[in-house]
Amino acid sequence: MTAAVVLVFVLAYAVVALEHPLNVNKAATALVGAGLMWTIYAVLGGDTHDVTGQLNDSVAATAQVIFFLIGAMTIVEVIDAHNGFEVVTSLVSTSRQVTLVWMIGIVTFFLSAMLDNLATAIVMISLMKKLSGRDEDRLFFAAIIVIAANAGGAWSPIGDVTTTMLWIGGQITPLAIMKGVFIASLFNLLVPLLVVSFALRGKHLAPPAAERPTTSPIALFERNLMFFLGLGILVLVPLFKALTHLPPFMGILFGLGILWMVGEIVHREKPHEHKHRLTLAHALTRIDMPSIVFFVGILLAVAALEHTGILEALAAWLNKTVGRLDLIVIVLGLASAVIDNVPLVAASMGMYSLAQYPPDSFIWEFVAYCAGTGGSILIIGSAAGVAAMGLKNIHFFWYVRRISALALLGYLAGAGAYILQYHLIH
C-alpha cells in the first residue's frame, strides 16, 4: 500500500511540474492524485471507519486554508477594481532606475506582507507600465518584484500561502513570525538590491506611454475607502484571532461581509452597468479558482502521505542522513525553486509534530523563510514568479541568466542572518 501511495504522488507531481508541456491543468492532476491516494489507502489500509475519520479531519484543516484564501483574494480583487493600488503608485515618482528599483522593491516588500505575494506581484507588475515606457526595463523590474514579493510574504502570517498554512496549523504565531523572520527577509531583498544598484548606476527611465481615459472613472473617495478598508481588514485578521481565539478564516469572512456591505451602500445609486464591475459579487468571479482547487488537491494528497506514515518515515530518514535541522530546511527551500512550496510546507508539517517542535520553534520559522523565498531562485518556483511569466512573458533562461544568482545570493544571506539571529537570541 505505501509503495502504491508514494508512486501515485510522484507521478501526479511529475505531471504537475510538466503542466505547460503536457497542457494539463495542475488542478485536475492534483485532484486525480489525491483521489487515487485516498482510494488506495481506504481499500488497502485496513479500517475504513478510521480512514474516513482521518479524511474528515484533513478536509476540515484544508477548508480553513481555502476559506481564508478565497476571502483574501476577493478583497484584493475589490481593491483592484476600485483602482485602490494607485494610492501606492501615486507616491512613486523618479526618473532614475536605481531610485525606482529601490522604491518598488521596498513598496512590494511591505505590501506583500499585508496582502500576499501573488496578489502584490500581479498588482505591482501591472502598474509598472505607468512608471516606465521601456519593455526591457519593465522586464527587469518585474523580476525584482518577484524577489521582493516573496521576501515580504515570508515574514507575515498572511503574506504567503505557506505562512498562512503554518499559522492556521498552529506552528507559528503572528508576532513571533514577524519578529523572527523580518530581518532574514529584509536581507533576502537588500542584498539583490545592493548588487543591482551598481548595474543601474546612471541609467534613466523612459517616460511611460500616455494612458487612455477611462469611461467610468472611480471617485477619489471610493478609491481611498476601498483601499484602506480592504487593507485594514486584512491587517486586522491576526488581531481578530488573538482577541476571539477563532480561526483566521472566520476573521477574513467577517471582514469580507463588511466590505461587501459597504460596497453595496456606496454604489447603490449607480447604474447597473457601472456598478456591476465594482461589486464584490463580480470580484468573486475574478479570483483564481484553478489555483484554489489545486491547493485543495495537493493538501489532501499530502494529508494522505501523512496519515499513511510516509512523512514520518521521511523525517526519520532525513534526520539520520543529513542530521542538521538547519541544513534540512535550507535544502527544502532550495527544492521549492523547482517544487511548489505548498506541498513542501504541508509535508514538513506532517514530518515534524508540534509535540516535538512547539509553536514558533526554530524549524517552523526557518521553514517559513526558506520555503517562502527559495522559490525566487527560479521563475517557476513561486506563484509570484509564474504570474510574472504570464504578465511579462519572462523566459525561463533569461531569468536564470539575469536573476537566479541574485535571488540565490539573497536567499543564502537571509538564511545566514536568521541562523545568526536565532543563536544570538537563544
Protein backbone atom coordinates (compact mmCIF):
# COMPACT_ATOMS: atom_id res chain seq x y z
CA MET A 1 0.00 0.00 0.00
CA THR A 2 2.71 2.50 0.98
CA ALA A 3 4.59 2.00 -2.27
CA ALA A 4 1.41 2.49 -4.31
CA VAL A 5 0.54 5.75 -2.49
CA VAL A 6 4.07 7.10 -2.99
CA LEU A 7 4.07 6.09 -6.66
CA VAL A 8 0.78 7.89 -7.32
CA PHE A 9 2.07 11.03 -5.57
CA VAL A 10 5.34 11.03 -7.52
CA LEU A 11 3.57 10.50 -10.86
CA ALA A 12 0.97 13.17 -10.08
CA TYR A 13 3.65 15.62 -9.06
CA ALA A 14 5.62 14.94 -12.23
CA VAL A 15 2.53 15.80 -14.29
CA VAL A 16 2.02 18.96 -12.18
CA ALA A 17 5.63 20.01 -12.84
CA LEU A 18 5.15 19.41 -16.58
CA GLU A 19 1.85 21.29 -16.69
CA HIS A 20 2.78 23.56 -19.60
CA PRO A 21 4.45 20.99 -21.92
CA LEU A 22 1.65 18.49 -21.33
CA ASN A 23 -1.05 21.19 -21.42
CA VAL A 24 -2.88 19.58 -18.49
CA ASN A 25 -4.07 21.92 -15.74
CA LYS A 26 -2.27 21.16 -12.47
CA ALA A 27 -5.54 21.47 -10.53
CA ALA A 28 -7.01 18.48 -12.40
CA THR A 29 -3.84 16.46 -11.76
CA ALA A 30 -3.85 17.31 -8.05
CA LEU A 31 -7.48 16.22 -7.66
CA VAL A 32 -6.90 12.93 -9.50
CA GLY A 33 -3.76 12.27 -7.46
CA ALA A 34 -5.50 12.99 -4.15
CA GLY A 35 -8.50 10.85 -5.14
CA LEU A 36 -6.32 7.87 -6.10
CA MET A 37 -4.16 8.13 -2.97
CA TRP A 38 -7.12 8.18 -0.59
CA THR A 39 -8.82 5.38 -2.55
CA ILE A 40 -5.73 3.16 -2.26
CA TYR A 41 -5.46 4.00 1.44
CA ALA A 42 -9.15 3.23 2.05
CA VAL A 43 -9.12 -0.07 0.13
CA LEU A 44 -5.75 -1.42 1.26
CA GLY A 45 -5.18 0.43 4.52
CA GLY A 46 -7.43 -1.54 6.83
CA ASP A 47 -10.22 0.04 8.89
CA THR A 48 -12.42 2.11 6.56
CA HIS A 49 -14.04 3.89 9.53
CA ASP A 50 -10.63 5.17 10.71
CA VAL A 51 -9.69 6.28 7.19
CA THR A 52 -12.97 8.18 6.84
CA GLY A 53 -12.36 9.95 10.15
CA GLN A 54 -8.85 10.91 9.07
CA LEU A 55 -10.17 12.23 5.74
CA ASN A 56 -12.81 14.31 7.56
CA ASP A 57 -10.10 15.82 9.76
CA SER A 58 -7.97 16.58 6.70
CA VAL A 59 -10.89 18.21 4.88
CA ALA A 60 -11.61 20.41 7.90
CA ALA A 61 -7.98 21.55 8.08
CA THR A 62 -7.84 22.14 4.32
CA ALA A 63 -11.13 24.07 4.32
CA GLN A 64 -9.75 26.59 6.82
CA VAL A 65 -6.88 27.43 4.47
CA ILE A 66 -9.14 27.56 1.41
CA PHE A 67 -11.79 29.81 3.02
CA PHE A 68 -9.04 32.17 4.15
CA LEU A 69 -7.51 32.32 0.66
CA ILE A 70 -10.85 32.90 -1.06
CA GLY A 71 -11.63 35.77 1.32
CA ALA A 72 -8.20 37.39 0.96
CA MET A 73 -8.12 37.04 -2.83
CA THR A 74 -11.62 38.52 -3.15
CA ILE A 75 -10.72 41.54 -1.01
CA VAL A 76 -7.68 42.19 -3.21
CA GLU A 77 -9.86 41.99 -6.35
CA VAL A 78 -12.32 44.53 -4.87
CA ILE A 79 -9.47 46.94 -4.09
CA ASP A 80 -8.07 46.50 -7.61
CA ALA A 81 -11.50 47.08 -9.22
CA HIS A 82 -11.59 50.47 -7.47
CA ASN A 83 -8.03 51.30 -8.66
CA GLY A 84 -7.09 51.31 -4.99
CA PHE A 85 -3.46 50.41 -5.60
CA GLU A 86 -2.95 53.77 -7.32
CA VAL A 87 -2.75 55.08 -3.74
CA VAL A 88 0.64 53.36 -3.63
CA THR A 89 1.93 54.02 -7.15
CA SER A 90 0.95 57.70 -6.97
CA LEU A 91 3.69 58.07 -4.36
CA VAL A 92 6.35 56.69 -6.75
CA SER A 93 7.92 59.45 -8.84
CA THR A 94 11.50 59.34 -10.17
CA SER A 95 13.45 59.34 -13.42
CA ARG A 96 16.41 57.27 -12.15
CA GLN A 97 16.36 53.49 -12.45
CA VAL A 98 18.34 52.97 -9.24
CA THR A 99 15.85 55.02 -7.24
CA LEU A 100 12.88 53.26 -8.83
CA VAL A 101 14.21 49.74 -8.19
CA TRP A 102 14.65 50.58 -4.50
CA MET A 103 11.21 52.20 -4.29
CA ILE A 104 9.33 49.34 -5.95
CA GLY A 105 11.37 46.76 -4.01
CA ILE A 106 10.54 48.30 -0.63
CA VAL A 107 6.89 49.04 -1.50
CA THR A 108 6.42 45.48 -2.79
CA PHE A 109 8.14 44.04 0.31
CA PHE A 110 5.76 45.70 2.76
CA LEU A 111 2.64 45.48 0.58
CA SER A 112 3.22 41.74 0.15
CA ALA A 113 3.22 41.29 3.93
CA MET A 114 -0.21 42.97 4.13
CA LEU A 115 -1.80 41.36 1.07
CA ASP A 116 0.01 38.28 -0.21
CA ASN A 117 2.96 37.76 -2.54
CA LEU A 118 0.94 36.62 -5.55
CA ALA A 119 -1.57 39.49 -5.47
CA THR A 120 1.17 42.03 -4.77
CA ALA A 121 3.31 40.78 -7.65
CA ILE A 122 0.37 40.98 -10.07
CA VAL A 123 -0.57 44.48 -8.90
CA MET A 124 2.97 45.91 -8.96
CA ILE A 125 3.90 44.35 -12.31
CA SER A 126 0.64 45.58 -13.86
CA LEU A 127 1.34 49.08 -12.58
CA MET A 128 4.89 49.17 -13.96
CA LYS A 129 3.58 50.40 -17.29
CA LYS A 130 2.64 53.64 -15.51
CA LEU A 131 6.22 54.08 -14.30
CA SER A 132 8.41 53.09 -17.26
CA GLY A 133 7.96 53.12 -21.03
CA ARG A 134 10.75 50.68 -21.97
CA ASP A 135 9.87 46.98 -22.20
CA GLU A 136 13.31 45.65 -21.19
CA ASP A 137 13.28 47.85 -18.07
CA ARG A 138 9.83 46.64 -17.08
CA LEU A 139 11.00 43.04 -17.57
CA PHE A 140 13.91 43.55 -15.17
CA PHE A 141 11.77 45.38 -12.61
CA ALA A 142 9.18 42.58 -12.78
CA ALA A 143 11.87 40.07 -11.81
CA ILE A 144 12.91 42.25 -8.85
CA ILE A 145 9.24 42.48 -7.84
CA VAL A 146 9.11 38.65 -7.69
CA ILE A 147 12.05 38.59 -5.24
CA ALA A 148 10.59 41.42 -3.15
CA ALA A 149 7.08 39.90 -3.06
CA ASN A 150 8.35 36.50 -1.91
CA ALA A 151 10.65 38.10 0.68
CA GLY A 152 7.81 40.25 2.02
CA GLY A 153 5.36 37.36 2.18
CA ALA A 154 7.69 35.16 4.24
CA TRP A 155 7.63 37.25 7.43
CA SER A 156 3.88 37.77 7.65
CA PRO A 157 1.17 35.22 8.59
CA ILE A 158 -0.98 36.50 5.72
CA GLY A 159 1.81 37.19 3.21
CA ASP A 160 2.15 33.75 1.64
CA VAL A 161 0.01 30.63 1.34
CA THR A 162 2.64 28.66 3.24
CA THR A 163 2.88 31.08 6.18
CA THR A 164 -0.91 31.09 6.32
CA MET A 165 -0.87 27.29 6.43
CA LEU A 166 1.68 27.33 9.27
CA TRP A 167 -0.36 29.95 11.14
CA ILE A 168 -3.66 28.09 10.79
CA GLY A 169 -1.91 24.82 11.68
CA GLY A 170 -0.61 26.32 14.92
CA GLN A 171 3.09 26.10 14.01
CA ILE A 172 3.64 29.89 14.12
CA THR A 173 2.02 32.91 15.75
CA PRO A 174 1.79 36.35 14.07
CA LEU A 175 4.05 38.41 16.32
CA ALA A 176 6.68 35.70 16.61
CA ILE A 177 6.97 35.13 12.85
CA MET A 178 7.18 38.88 12.22
CA LYS A 179 9.93 39.36 14.82
CA GLY A 180 11.75 36.16 13.94
CA VAL A 181 11.82 36.28 10.14
CA PHE A 182 11.68 40.01 9.33
CA ILE A 183 15.46 40.57 9.36
CA ALA A 184 16.14 37.44 7.30
CA SER A 185 13.51 38.50 4.73
CA LEU A 186 14.96 42.01 4.63
CA PHE A 187 18.43 40.59 3.89
CA ASN A 188 16.83 38.48 1.16
CA LEU A 189 15.71 41.70 -0.54
CA LEU A 190 18.51 44.13 0.32
CA VAL A 191 21.41 42.00 -0.93
CA PRO A 192 19.99 41.72 -4.51
CA LEU A 193 19.05 45.42 -4.46
CA LEU A 194 22.59 46.43 -3.48
CA VAL A 195 24.07 44.36 -6.30
CA VAL A 196 21.54 45.69 -8.82
CA SER A 197 22.26 49.29 -7.77
CA PHE A 198 25.77 49.06 -9.21
CA ALA A 199 24.47 47.72 -12.53
CA LEU A 200 21.86 50.50 -12.87
CA ARG A 201 24.07 53.49 -11.94
CA GLY A 202 23.49 56.46 -14.21
CA LYS A 203 20.61 54.84 -16.13
CA HIS A 204 17.38 56.78 -16.60
CA LEU A 205 13.79 55.69 -17.20
CA ALA A 206 11.94 56.09 -20.45
CA PRO A 207 8.72 58.07 -19.92
CA PRO A 208 5.58 55.90 -19.75
CA ALA A 209 3.10 55.92 -22.60
CA ALA A 210 0.08 58.19 -22.26
CA GLU A 211 -2.97 56.40 -20.86
CA ARG A 212 -6.39 56.35 -22.47
CA PRO A 213 -9.06 57.99 -20.33
CA THR A 214 -11.39 55.51 -18.68
CA THR A 215 -15.11 55.62 -19.47
CA SER A 216 -16.21 55.32 -15.85
CA PRO A 217 -13.61 56.87 -13.51
CA ILE A 218 -13.62 55.91 -9.84
CA ALA A 219 -14.27 58.74 -7.39
CA LEU A 220 -11.29 59.54 -5.18
CA PHE A 221 -13.33 58.91 -2.03
CA GLU A 222 -14.44 55.46 -3.26
CA ARG A 223 -10.88 54.51 -4.27
CA ASN A 224 -9.41 55.50 -0.91
CA LEU A 225 -12.28 54.00 1.09
CA MET A 226 -12.00 50.57 -0.52
CA PHE A 227 -8.20 50.58 -0.40
CA PHE A 228 -7.87 51.45 3.28
CA LEU A 229 -10.90 49.41 4.38
CA GLY A 230 -9.77 46.32 2.46
CA LEU A 231 -6.18 46.66 3.65
CA GLY A 232 -7.35 47.28 7.22
CA ILE A 233 -9.46 44.11 7.20
CA LEU A 234 -6.50 42.01 6.06
CA VAL A 235 -4.12 43.51 8.59
CA LEU A 236 -6.58 43.17 11.49
CA VAL A 237 -7.28 39.44 10.96
CA PRO A 238 -4.41 38.40 13.29
CA LEU A 239 -5.77 40.78 15.94
CA PHE A 240 -9.26 39.26 15.48
CA LYS A 241 -7.81 35.79 16.11
CA ALA A 242 -5.89 36.99 19.17
CA LEU A 243 -8.97 38.60 20.72
CA THR A 244 -11.58 35.96 19.88
CA HIS A 245 -9.42 32.81 19.56
CA LEU A 246 -11.48 31.96 16.49
CA PRO A 247 -9.72 30.55 13.39
CA PRO A 248 -8.33 33.16 10.91
CA PHE A 249 -10.80 32.17 8.19
CA MET A 250 -13.65 33.43 10.38
CA GLY A 251 -12.00 36.84 10.66
CA ILE A 252 -11.43 37.10 6.90
CA LEU A 253 -15.02 36.05 6.10
CA PHE A 254 -16.38 38.52 8.67
CA GLY A 255 -14.29 41.28 7.09
CA LEU A 256 -15.39 40.20 3.61
CA GLY A 257 -19.01 40.66 4.68
CA ILE A 258 -18.27 44.17 5.97
CA LEU A 259 -16.50 45.14 2.74
CA TRP A 260 -19.38 43.70 0.70
CA MET A 261 -21.97 45.65 2.67
CA VAL A 262 -20.02 48.92 2.45
CA GLY A 263 -19.64 48.46 -1.31
CA GLU A 264 -23.35 47.87 -1.76
CA ILE A 265 -24.16 51.06 0.17
CA VAL A 266 -21.56 53.21 -1.63
CA HIS A 267 -22.66 52.10 -5.12
CA ARG A 268 -26.40 51.76 -4.53
CA GLU A 269 -27.33 54.79 -6.70
CA LYS A 270 -25.17 53.86 -9.70
CA PRO A 271 -26.47 52.38 -12.97
CA HIS A 272 -26.11 48.61 -13.11
CA GLU A 273 -23.53 48.65 -15.94
CA HIS A 274 -21.20 50.86 -13.85
CA LYS A 275 -21.96 49.24 -10.52
CA HIS A 276 -21.56 45.61 -11.58
CA ARG A 277 -17.78 45.55 -12.09
CA LEU A 278 -17.24 47.22 -8.70
CA THR A 279 -19.28 44.75 -6.65
CA LEU A 280 -17.86 42.01 -4.51
CA ALA A 281 -20.04 39.52 -6.36
CA HIS A 282 -18.13 40.36 -9.55
CA ALA A 283 -14.81 40.15 -7.68
CA LEU A 284 -15.66 36.57 -6.71
CA THR A 285 -15.75 35.67 -10.42
CA ARG A 286 -12.25 37.10 -10.94
CA ILE A 287 -10.33 35.18 -8.27
CA ASP A 288 -8.01 32.40 -9.43
CA MET A 289 -10.23 29.39 -8.77
CA PRO A 290 -7.96 26.84 -10.55
CA SER A 291 -5.23 27.70 -8.03
CA ILE A 292 -7.72 27.30 -5.17
CA VAL A 293 -8.72 23.86 -6.49
CA PHE A 294 -5.04 22.95 -6.87
CA PHE A 295 -4.44 23.80 -3.20
CA VAL A 296 -7.38 21.56 -2.22
CA GLY A 297 -5.99 18.64 -4.20
CA ILE A 298 -2.37 19.00 -3.12
CA LEU A 299 -3.20 19.49 0.57
CA LEU A 300 -5.41 16.38 0.58
CA ALA A 301 -2.70 14.42 -1.26
CA VAL A 302 -0.08 15.41 1.32
CA ALA A 303 -2.57 14.56 4.09
CA ALA A 304 -2.73 11.03 2.65
CA LEU A 305 1.07 10.81 2.88
CA GLU A 306 0.88 11.96 6.48
CA HIS A 307 -1.81 9.51 7.62
CA THR A 308 -0.08 6.55 5.96
CA GLY A 309 3.08 7.31 7.99
CA ILE A 310 5.20 8.10 4.93
CA LEU A 311 6.12 11.64 6.03
CA GLU A 312 7.14 10.47 9.49
CA ALA A 313 9.45 7.89 7.90
CA LEU A 314 10.87 10.56 5.57
CA ALA A 315 11.63 12.83 8.53
CA ALA A 316 13.45 10.00 10.29
CA TRP A 317 15.49 9.28 7.15
CA LEU A 318 16.47 12.95 6.74
CA ASN A 319 17.47 13.21 10.38
CA LYS A 320 19.64 10.10 10.01
CA THR A 321 21.30 11.02 6.69
CA VAL A 322 21.58 14.84 6.92
CA GLY A 323 21.39 15.25 10.67
CA ARG A 324 21.42 19.03 10.96
CA LEU A 325 17.93 20.55 11.05
CA ASP A 326 19.06 23.86 9.55
CA LEU A 327 20.62 22.11 6.54
CA ILE A 328 17.46 20.05 6.02
CA VAL A 329 15.33 23.21 5.92
CA ILE A 330 17.78 25.03 3.61
CA VAL A 331 17.60 22.09 1.19
CA LEU A 332 13.79 22.19 1.37
CA GLY A 333 13.95 25.88 0.48
CA LEU A 334 16.23 25.21 -2.49
CA ALA A 335 13.85 22.45 -3.59
CA SER A 336 11.00 25.00 -3.59
CA ALA A 337 12.70 26.65 -6.60
CA VAL A 338 11.61 23.59 -8.59
CA ILE A 339 8.80 22.08 -6.49
CA ASP A 340 5.78 24.12 -5.41
CA ASN A 341 6.28 25.33 -1.82
CA VAL A 342 2.71 24.42 -0.76
CA PRO A 343 3.28 20.64 -0.74
CA LEU A 344 6.78 21.12 0.69
CA VAL A 345 5.46 23.03 3.67
CA ALA A 346 2.48 20.70 4.03
CA ALA A 347 4.94 17.80 4.04
CA SER A 348 7.14 19.45 6.68
CA MET A 349 4.06 19.98 8.86
CA GLY A 350 3.38 16.25 8.61
CA MET A 351 7.02 15.22 9.08
CA TYR A 352 7.56 17.09 12.34
CA SER A 353 4.95 17.22 15.11
CA LEU A 354 4.02 20.11 17.39
CA ALA A 355 4.73 17.84 20.34
CA GLN A 356 8.33 17.54 19.16
CA TYR A 357 8.67 21.14 17.96
CA PRO A 358 6.24 23.54 19.73
CA PRO A 359 4.80 26.68 18.04
CA ASP A 360 7.40 29.27 16.98
CA SER A 361 10.26 26.77 17.21
CA PHE A 362 13.35 27.26 15.03
CA ILE A 363 12.16 24.79 12.41
CA TRP A 364 8.78 26.43 11.77
CA GLU A 365 10.13 29.98 11.40
CA PHE A 366 13.01 28.77 9.25
CA VAL A 367 10.66 26.71 7.07
CA ALA A 368 8.50 29.82 6.59
CA TYR A 369 11.55 31.80 5.44
CA CYS A 370 13.19 29.15 3.27
CA ALA A 371 10.05 27.86 1.56
CA GLY A 372 8.76 31.39 1.03
CA THR A 373 11.92 32.84 -0.52
CA GLY A 374 13.62 29.82 -2.11
CA GLY A 375 11.07 29.89 -4.91
CA SER A 376 12.57 33.17 -6.17
CA ILE A 377 15.68 31.35 -7.41
CA LEU A 378 13.82 30.13 -10.49
CA ILE A 379 10.92 31.91 -12.22
CA ILE A 380 8.80 28.72 -11.96
CA GLY A 381 9.48 28.35 -8.23
CA SER A 382 6.73 30.57 -6.85
CA ALA A 383 3.22 31.71 -7.66
CA ALA A 384 4.54 35.28 -7.98
CA GLY A 385 7.14 34.12 -10.49
CA VAL A 386 4.62 32.18 -12.57
CA ALA A 387 2.35 35.26 -12.58
CA ALA A 388 5.27 37.38 -13.79
CA MET A 389 5.92 34.88 -16.59
CA GLY A 390 2.36 35.29 -17.76
CA LEU A 391 2.15 39.07 -17.40
CA LYS A 392 5.55 39.99 -18.86
CA ASN A 393 6.42 36.90 -20.93
CA ILE A 394 9.62 36.37 -18.93
CA HIS A 395 11.59 33.49 -20.41
CA PHE A 396 12.92 30.81 -18.08
CA PHE A 397 16.54 31.04 -19.26
CA TRP A 398 16.53 34.87 -19.29
CA TYR A 399 15.59 34.72 -15.62
CA VAL A 400 18.30 32.11 -14.94
CA ARG A 401 20.97 34.30 -16.58
CA ARG A 402 19.93 37.64 -15.12
CA ILE A 403 18.17 36.99 -11.81
CA SER A 404 18.75 33.49 -10.36
CA ALA A 405 22.21 34.26 -8.95
CA LEU A 406 20.85 37.43 -7.31
CA ALA A 407 17.95 35.52 -5.77
CA LEU A 408 20.24 32.72 -4.55
CA LEU A 409 22.61 35.27 -3.00
CA GLY A 410 19.69 36.92 -1.19
CA TYR A 411 18.32 33.53 -0.09
CA LEU A 412 21.63 32.43 1.45
CA ALA A 413 22.21 35.84 3.05
CA GLY A 414 18.78 35.74 4.68
CA ALA A 415 19.27 32.14 5.83
CA GLY A 416 22.59 33.08 7.40
CA ALA A 417 21.03 36.13 9.04
CA TYR A 418 18.22 34.05 10.55
CA ILE A 419 20.56 31.36 11.94
CA LEU A 420 22.88 34.01 13.42
CA GLN A 421 19.96 35.94 14.92
CA TYR A 422 18.45 32.78 16.41
CA HIS A 423 21.69 31.73 18.09
CA LEU A 424 22.33 35.24 19.43
CA ILE A 425 18.85 35.44 20.98
CA HIS A 426 18.73 31.86 22.23
